[in-house]
Amino acid sequence: MLLIQIGAIILAVFIGYILARREYKKFTAAEKEQFRKELKNPFLILLNVLHQIGYFIFFIGIVFNNDPIRYIAFFLIGTGWIIDGAKLYNVNKKRGKILIVIGSMAFLTTSFFALRSFWVLSLDKVVVLYS
């Protein structure tokens, strides 16, 4: 089963690589030069693709059936939506606000679920220690 799970993850990475490469080939020479300039500052690229990274990590969490990985994924997705909403706010205020609110709800909901499981696990350990 582990081999199938790892194969699914490798397949997802490979498909993502193919799609990114195909999109890069569609760029004009000016767009390719702009992309190369943007690659010199990877932090800005990381902020732009934060929610895509979250989607991929969420897929890994589903494949391995691991809740902490899913919490991290939703945290990244929510943060990415908040950042994208802030950028969109300059262009379209209504859609920007909606995206910020949805991202904030995902961020807060994930935080509450993560803390709930932390406190439940901590209380279980306390009960076991005093039993």
N, C-alpha and C. Protein backbone atom coordinates (compact mmCIF):
# COMPACT_ATOMS: atom_id res chain seq x y z
N MET A 1 0.82 -1.19 0.00
CA MET A 1 0.00 0.00 0.00
C MET A 1 0.86 1.25 0.00
N LEU A 2 1.97 1.22 0.74
CA LEU A 2 2.86 2.37 0.79
C LEU A 2 3.44 2.67 -0.58
N LEU A 3 3.72 1.65 -1.34
CA LEU A 3 4.26 1.83 -2.68
C LEU A 3 3.25 2.55 -3.58
N ILE A 4 1.98 2.22 -3.46
CA ILE A 4 0.94 2.89 -4.23
C ILE A 4 0.81 4.34 -3.81
N GLN A 5 0.89 4.62 -2.51
CA GLN A 5 0.80 5.99 -2.02
C GLN A 5 1.97 6.83 -2.54
N ILE A 6 3.17 6.31 -2.46
CA ILE A 6 4.34 7.03 -2.96
C ILE A 6 4.24 7.21 -4.47
N GLY A 7 3.74 6.21 -5.18
CA GLY A 7 3.55 6.33 -6.62
C GLY A 7 2.56 7.41 -6.98
N ALA A 8 1.49 7.54 -6.20
CA ALA A 8 0.49 8.59 -6.45
C ALA A 8 1.11 9.98 -6.26
N ILE A 9 1.95 10.12 -5.25
CA ILE A 9 2.61 11.41 -5.00
C ILE A 9 3.58 11.73 -6.13
N ILE A 10 4.36 10.76 -6.55
CA ILE A 10 5.31 10.97 -7.66
C ILE A 10 4.56 11.31 -8.94
N LEU A 11 3.44 10.66 -9.17
CA LEU A 11 2.63 10.95 -10.35
C LEU A 11 2.09 12.39 -10.30
N ALA A 12 1.65 12.84 -9.13
CA ALA A 12 1.15 14.21 -9.00
C ALA A 12 2.27 15.22 -9.26
N VAL A 13 3.47 14.95 -8.76
CA VAL A 13 4.60 15.85 -9.01
C VAL A 13 4.95 15.87 -10.49
N PHE A 14 4.95 14.72 -11.12
CA PHE A 14 5.28 14.62 -12.54
C PHE A 14 4.26 15.35 -13.40
N ILE A 15 2.98 15.20 -13.09
CA ILE A 15 1.93 15.91 -13.84
C ILE A 15 2.08 17.42 -13.64
N GLY A 16 2.37 17.85 -12.42
CA GLY A 16 2.59 19.27 -12.17
C GLY A 16 3.77 19.81 -12.95
N TYR A 17 4.84 19.03 -13.04
CA TYR A 17 6.01 19.43 -13.81
C TYR A 17 5.67 19.58 -15.28
N ILE A 18 4.94 18.62 -15.81
CA ILE A 18 4.56 18.68 -17.23
C ILE A 18 3.69 19.91 -17.52
N LEU A 19 2.72 20.16 -16.65
CA LEU A 19 1.84 21.31 -16.86
C LEU A 19 2.61 22.64 -16.76
N ALA A 20 3.53 22.74 -15.81
CA ALA A 20 4.33 23.96 -15.66
C ALA A 20 5.23 24.16 -16.87
N ARG A 21 5.83 23.10 -17.33
CA ARG A 21 6.71 23.19 -18.50
C ARG A 21 5.93 23.59 -19.75
N ARG A 22 4.75 23.03 -19.92
CA ARG A 22 3.91 23.37 -21.07
C ARG A 22 3.51 24.85 -21.01
N GLU A 23 3.19 25.33 -19.82
CA GLU A 23 2.82 26.74 -19.67
C GLU A 23 4.02 27.65 -19.95
N TYR A 24 5.20 27.24 -19.51
CA TYR A 24 6.41 28.04 -19.75
C TYR A 24 6.71 28.14 -21.24
N LYS A 25 6.47 27.08 -21.99
CA LYS A 25 6.73 27.10 -23.42
C LYS A 25 5.80 28.06 -24.15
N LYS A 26 4.63 28.33 -23.59
CA LYS A 26 3.69 29.26 -24.20
C LYS A 26 4.10 30.72 -24.00
N PHE A 27 5.01 30.99 -23.07
CA PHE A 27 5.44 32.36 -22.79
C PHE A 27 6.12 32.97 -24.01
N THR A 28 5.98 34.29 -24.14
CA THR A 28 6.74 35.01 -25.15
C THR A 28 8.15 35.25 -24.59
N ALA A 29 9.03 35.79 -25.43
CA ALA A 29 10.41 36.04 -24.98
C ALA A 29 10.43 37.03 -23.82
N ALA A 30 9.59 38.06 -23.89
CA ALA A 30 9.55 39.06 -22.81
C ALA A 30 9.03 38.43 -21.51
N GLU A 31 8.01 37.58 -21.61
CA GLU A 31 7.48 36.93 -20.42
C GLU A 31 8.50 35.97 -19.81
N LYS A 32 9.25 35.28 -20.67
CA LYS A 32 10.30 34.38 -20.15
C LYS A 32 11.38 35.17 -19.43
N GLU A 33 11.76 36.32 -19.96
CA GLU A 33 12.76 37.16 -19.30
C GLU A 33 12.24 37.68 -17.97
N GLN A 34 10.97 38.09 -17.94
CA GLN A 34 10.36 38.56 -16.69
C GLN A 34 10.32 37.42 -15.66
N PHE A 35 10.01 36.22 -16.11
CA PHE A 35 9.98 35.06 -15.22
C PHE A 35 11.37 34.78 -14.65
N ARG A 36 12.38 34.87 -15.47
CA ARG A 36 13.76 34.65 -14.98
C ARG A 36 14.14 35.69 -13.94
N LYS A 37 13.70 36.94 -14.14
CA LYS A 37 13.99 38.00 -13.16
C LYS A 37 13.27 37.71 -11.84
N GLU A 38 12.04 37.21 -11.95
CA GLU A 38 11.28 36.89 -10.73
C GLU A 38 11.89 35.72 -9.97
N LEU A 39 12.55 34.81 -10.67
CA LEU A 39 13.18 33.66 -10.01
C LEU A 39 14.35 34.06 -9.12
N LYS A 40 14.88 35.27 -9.32
CA LYS A 40 16.00 35.72 -8.50
C LYS A 40 15.57 36.03 -7.08
N ASN A 41 14.28 36.25 -6.85
CA ASN A 41 13.77 36.48 -5.51
C ASN A 41 12.74 35.38 -5.19
N PRO A 42 13.18 34.23 -4.68
CA PRO A 42 12.27 33.10 -4.48
C PRO A 42 11.22 33.33 -3.40
N PHE A 43 11.44 34.27 -2.49
CA PHE A 43 10.46 34.52 -1.43
C PHE A 43 9.14 35.03 -2.02
N LEU A 44 9.22 35.93 -3.01
CA LEU A 44 8.01 36.44 -3.64
C LEU A 44 7.28 35.33 -4.40
N ILE A 45 8.02 34.45 -5.03
CA ILE A 45 7.40 33.33 -5.73
C ILE A 45 6.72 32.41 -4.71
N LEU A 46 7.36 32.19 -3.58
CA LEU A 46 6.78 31.34 -2.54
C LEU A 46 5.45 31.92 -2.06
N LEU A 47 5.38 33.24 -1.89
CA LEU A 47 4.14 33.85 -1.46
C LEU A 47 3.05 33.71 -2.52
N ASN A 48 3.43 33.73 -3.78
CA ASN A 48 2.44 33.61 -4.86
C ASN A 48 1.91 32.20 -5.02
N VAL A 49 2.68 31.20 -4.66
CA VAL A 49 2.25 29.82 -4.87
C VAL A 49 1.97 29.10 -3.54
N LEU A 50 1.77 29.85 -2.49
CA LEU A 50 1.56 29.25 -1.18
C LEU A 50 0.33 28.34 -1.15
N HIS A 51 -0.77 28.77 -1.75
CA HIS A 51 -1.97 27.93 -1.72
C HIS A 51 -1.81 26.69 -2.61
N GLN A 52 -1.04 26.77 -3.72
CA GLN A 52 -0.81 25.57 -4.52
C GLN A 52 0.03 24.56 -3.74
N ILE A 53 1.01 25.05 -2.99
CA ILE A 53 1.80 24.16 -2.15
C ILE A 53 0.88 23.50 -1.10
N GLY A 54 -0.05 24.28 -0.56
CA GLY A 54 -1.01 23.74 0.40
C GLY A 54 -1.89 22.67 -0.20
N TYR A 55 -2.33 22.87 -1.46
CA TYR A 55 -3.14 21.84 -2.12
C TYR A 55 -2.35 20.55 -2.26
N PHE A 56 -1.10 20.66 -2.65
CA PHE A 56 -0.27 19.46 -2.82
C PHE A 56 -0.03 18.76 -1.48
N ILE A 57 0.25 19.52 -0.45
CA ILE A 57 0.47 18.93 0.87
C ILE A 57 -0.83 18.29 1.40
N PHE A 58 -1.97 18.91 1.08
CA PHE A 58 -3.25 18.31 1.46
C PHE A 58 -3.44 16.97 0.77
N PHE A 59 -3.06 16.90 -0.51
CA PHE A 59 -3.14 15.63 -1.24
C PHE A 59 -2.25 14.58 -0.56
N ILE A 60 -1.06 14.97 -0.15
CA ILE A 60 -0.18 14.04 0.55
C ILE A 60 -0.81 13.59 1.87
N GLY A 61 -1.45 14.52 2.58
CA GLY A 61 -2.11 14.18 3.83
C GLY A 61 -3.25 13.20 3.63
N ILE A 62 -3.97 13.33 2.51
CA ILE A 62 -5.04 12.38 2.22
C ILE A 62 -4.46 11.01 1.89
N VAL A 63 -3.39 11.01 1.08
CA VAL A 63 -2.79 9.74 0.68
C VAL A 63 -2.27 8.98 1.91
N PHE A 64 -1.60 9.68 2.81
CA PHE A 64 -1.04 9.02 3.98
C PHE A 64 -1.99 9.01 5.19
N ASN A 65 -3.18 9.58 5.03
CA ASN A 65 -4.18 9.61 6.09
C ASN A 65 -3.59 10.19 7.39
N ASN A 66 -3.04 11.39 7.27
CA ASN A 66 -2.33 12.02 8.37
C ASN A 66 -2.95 13.39 8.65
N ASP A 67 -3.58 13.55 9.82
CA ASP A 67 -4.25 14.81 10.14
C ASP A 67 -3.31 15.99 10.32
N PRO A 68 -2.17 15.86 11.01
CA PRO A 68 -1.29 17.03 11.15
C PRO A 68 -0.83 17.60 9.80
N ILE A 69 -0.60 16.74 8.83
CA ILE A 69 -0.20 17.23 7.50
C ILE A 69 -1.36 18.00 6.88
N ARG A 70 -2.57 17.53 7.07
CA ARG A 70 -3.74 18.25 6.53
C ARG A 70 -3.90 19.61 7.20
N TYR A 71 -3.63 19.69 8.50
CA TYR A 71 -3.72 20.98 9.18
C TYR A 71 -2.70 21.97 8.62
N ILE A 72 -1.50 21.49 8.39
CA ILE A 72 -0.46 22.35 7.79
C ILE A 72 -0.90 22.80 6.41
N ALA A 73 -1.51 21.89 5.65
CA ALA A 73 -1.97 22.22 4.30
C ALA A 73 -3.05 23.30 4.34
N PHE A 74 -4.02 23.16 5.23
CA PHE A 74 -5.07 24.17 5.31
C PHE A 74 -4.53 25.51 5.80
N PHE A 75 -3.54 25.46 6.67
CA PHE A 75 -2.88 26.70 7.10
C PHE A 75 -2.24 27.40 5.91
N LEU A 76 -1.54 26.64 5.07
CA LEU A 76 -0.91 27.23 3.89
C LEU A 76 -1.95 27.73 2.88
N ILE A 77 -3.01 26.97 2.69
CA ILE A 77 -4.06 27.38 1.75
C ILE A 77 -4.72 28.67 2.24
N GLY A 78 -5.07 28.72 3.51
CA GLY A 78 -5.69 29.93 4.05
C GLY A 78 -4.78 31.14 3.96
N THR A 79 -3.52 30.95 4.29
CA THR A 79 -2.56 32.06 4.19
C THR A 79 -2.40 32.51 2.74
N GLY A 80 -2.35 31.57 1.82
CA GLY A 80 -2.24 31.92 0.40
C GLY A 80 -3.45 32.69 -0.08
N TRP A 81 -4.64 32.28 0.37
CA TRP A 81 -5.86 33.00 -0.04
C TRP A 81 -5.87 34.42 0.54
N ILE A 82 -5.38 34.58 1.75
CA ILE A 82 -5.32 35.91 2.35
C ILE A 82 -4.37 36.80 1.54
N ILE A 83 -3.22 36.28 1.18
CA ILE A 83 -2.25 37.05 0.39
C ILE A 83 -2.81 37.38 -0.99
N ASP A 84 -3.44 36.39 -1.64
CA ASP A 84 -4.04 36.65 -2.96
C ASP A 84 -5.18 37.65 -2.87
N GLY A 85 -5.96 37.57 -1.80
CA GLY A 85 -7.05 38.53 -1.59
C GLY A 85 -6.53 39.94 -1.39
N ALA A 86 -5.41 40.07 -0.69
CA ALA A 86 -4.82 41.39 -0.49
C ALA A 86 -4.33 41.97 -1.82
N LYS A 87 -3.77 41.12 -2.69
CA LYS A 87 -3.34 41.59 -4.01
C LYS A 87 -4.54 41.94 -4.88
N LEU A 88 -5.58 41.12 -4.80
CA LEU A 88 -6.78 41.34 -5.61
C LEU A 88 -7.56 42.56 -5.13
N TYR A 89 -7.40 42.93 -3.87
CA TYR A 89 -8.12 44.06 -3.30
C TYR A 89 -7.81 45.35 -4.05
N ASN A 90 -6.60 45.50 -4.55
CA ASN A 90 -6.24 46.70 -5.30
C ASN A 90 -6.99 46.78 -6.63
N VAL A 91 -7.32 45.64 -7.21
CA VAL A 91 -8.00 45.60 -8.51
C VAL A 91 -9.51 45.58 -8.34
N ASN A 92 -10.00 44.70 -7.48
CA ASN A 92 -11.44 44.54 -7.27
C ASN A 92 -11.68 44.40 -5.77
N LYS A 93 -12.17 45.44 -5.15
CA LYS A 93 -12.29 45.47 -3.69
C LYS A 93 -13.24 44.40 -3.15
N LYS A 94 -14.36 44.17 -3.84
CA LYS A 94 -15.34 43.19 -3.34
C LYS A 94 -14.77 41.78 -3.37
N ARG A 95 -14.20 41.37 -4.50
CA ARG A 95 -13.63 40.02 -4.59
C ARG A 95 -12.43 39.87 -3.67
N GLY A 96 -11.64 40.92 -3.52
CA GLY A 96 -10.50 40.86 -2.61
C GLY A 96 -10.94 40.63 -1.17
N LYS A 97 -11.99 41.36 -0.75
CA LYS A 97 -12.50 41.18 0.61
C LYS A 97 -13.04 39.76 0.82
N ILE A 98 -13.76 39.26 -0.19
CA ILE A 98 -14.33 37.91 -0.08
C ILE A 98 -13.22 36.88 0.07
N LEU A 99 -12.17 37.01 -0.75
CA LEU A 99 -11.06 36.05 -0.68
C LEU A 99 -10.32 36.15 0.65
N ILE A 100 -10.17 37.35 1.17
CA ILE A 100 -9.52 37.53 2.47
C ILE A 100 -10.35 36.88 3.58
N VAL A 101 -11.67 37.06 3.52
CA VAL A 101 -12.55 36.47 4.55
C VAL A 101 -12.53 34.95 4.47
N ILE A 102 -12.60 34.39 3.25
CA ILE A 102 -12.58 32.94 3.10
C ILE A 102 -11.24 32.38 3.57
N GLY A 103 -10.14 33.05 3.21
CA GLY A 103 -8.82 32.61 3.67
C GLY A 103 -8.69 32.68 5.18
N SER A 104 -9.23 33.74 5.77
CA SER A 104 -9.18 33.88 7.23
C SER A 104 -10.00 32.79 7.91
N MET A 105 -11.16 32.46 7.33
CA MET A 105 -11.98 31.40 7.92
C MET A 105 -11.26 30.06 7.83
N ALA A 106 -10.62 29.78 6.71
CA ALA A 106 -9.86 28.52 6.58
C ALA A 106 -8.72 28.49 7.59
N PHE A 107 -8.03 29.61 7.73
CA PHE A 107 -6.91 29.73 8.66
C PHE A 107 -7.38 29.51 10.10
N LEU A 108 -8.45 30.21 10.50
CA LEU A 108 -8.93 30.11 11.88
C LEU A 108 -9.54 28.73 12.18
N THR A 109 -10.30 28.19 11.23
CA THR A 109 -10.89 26.87 11.44
C THR A 109 -9.82 25.82 11.62
N THR A 110 -8.80 25.89 10.78
CA THR A 110 -7.69 24.95 10.89
C THR A 110 -7.00 25.10 12.24
N SER A 111 -6.80 26.33 12.67
CA SER A 111 -6.15 26.57 13.97
C SER A 111 -6.97 25.97 15.11
N PHE A 112 -8.29 26.16 15.06
CA PHE A 112 -9.13 25.62 16.12
C PHE A 112 -9.10 24.09 16.13
N PHE A 113 -9.17 23.47 14.94
CA PHE A 113 -9.11 22.01 14.89
C PHE A 113 -7.76 21.49 15.37
N ALA A 114 -6.69 22.17 14.99
CA ALA A 114 -5.36 21.73 15.41
C ALA A 114 -5.21 21.87 16.93
N LEU A 115 -5.69 22.97 17.49
CA LEU A 115 -5.60 23.15 18.94
C LEU A 115 -6.49 22.17 19.68
N ARG A 116 -7.67 21.87 19.11
CA ARG A 116 -8.55 20.91 19.75
C ARG A 116 -7.87 19.55 19.86
N SER A 117 -7.26 19.11 18.78
CA SER A 117 -6.60 17.80 18.83
C SER A 117 -5.40 17.85 19.77
N PHE A 118 -4.71 18.99 19.84
CA PHE A 118 -3.58 19.12 20.76
C PHE A 118 -4.06 19.01 22.20
N TRP A 119 -5.15 19.74 22.52
CA TRP A 119 -5.63 19.71 23.90
C TRP A 119 -6.22 18.36 24.26
N VAL A 120 -6.89 17.71 23.31
CA VAL A 120 -7.44 16.38 23.58
C VAL A 120 -6.31 15.40 23.84
N LEU A 121 -5.26 15.45 23.01
CA LEU A 121 -4.12 14.56 23.23
C LEU A 121 -3.44 14.86 24.56
N SER A 122 -3.30 16.14 24.91
CA SER A 122 -2.66 16.50 26.17
C SER A 122 -3.49 16.02 27.36
N LEU A 123 -4.81 16.19 27.28
CA LEU A 123 -5.66 15.74 28.38
C LEU A 123 -5.65 14.22 28.49
N ASP A 124 -5.58 13.52 27.36
CA ASP A 124 -5.48 12.06 27.42
C ASP A 124 -4.21 11.63 28.13
N LYS A 125 -3.11 12.32 27.88
CA LYS A 125 -1.85 11.99 28.55
C LYS A 125 -1.95 12.27 30.04
N VAL A 126 -2.61 13.36 30.42
CA VAL A 126 -2.76 13.69 31.83
C VAL A 126 -3.61 12.64 32.51
N VAL A 127 -4.68 12.20 31.87
CA VAL A 127 -5.55 11.18 32.45
C VAL A 127 -4.79 9.88 32.61
N VAL A 128 -3.97 9.53 31.62
CA VAL A 128 -3.19 8.30 31.70
C VAL A 128 -2.16 8.39 32.82
N LEU A 129 -1.56 9.57 33.00
CA LEU A 129 -0.55 9.73 34.04
C LEU A 129 -1.17 9.59 35.44
N TYR A 130 -2.38 10.08 35.63
CA TYR A 130 -3.00 10.04 36.94
C TYR A 130 -3.84 8.80 37.19
N SER A 131 -3.93 7.93 36.22
CA SER A 131 -4.76 6.72 36.42
C SER A 131 -4.00 5.66 37.17
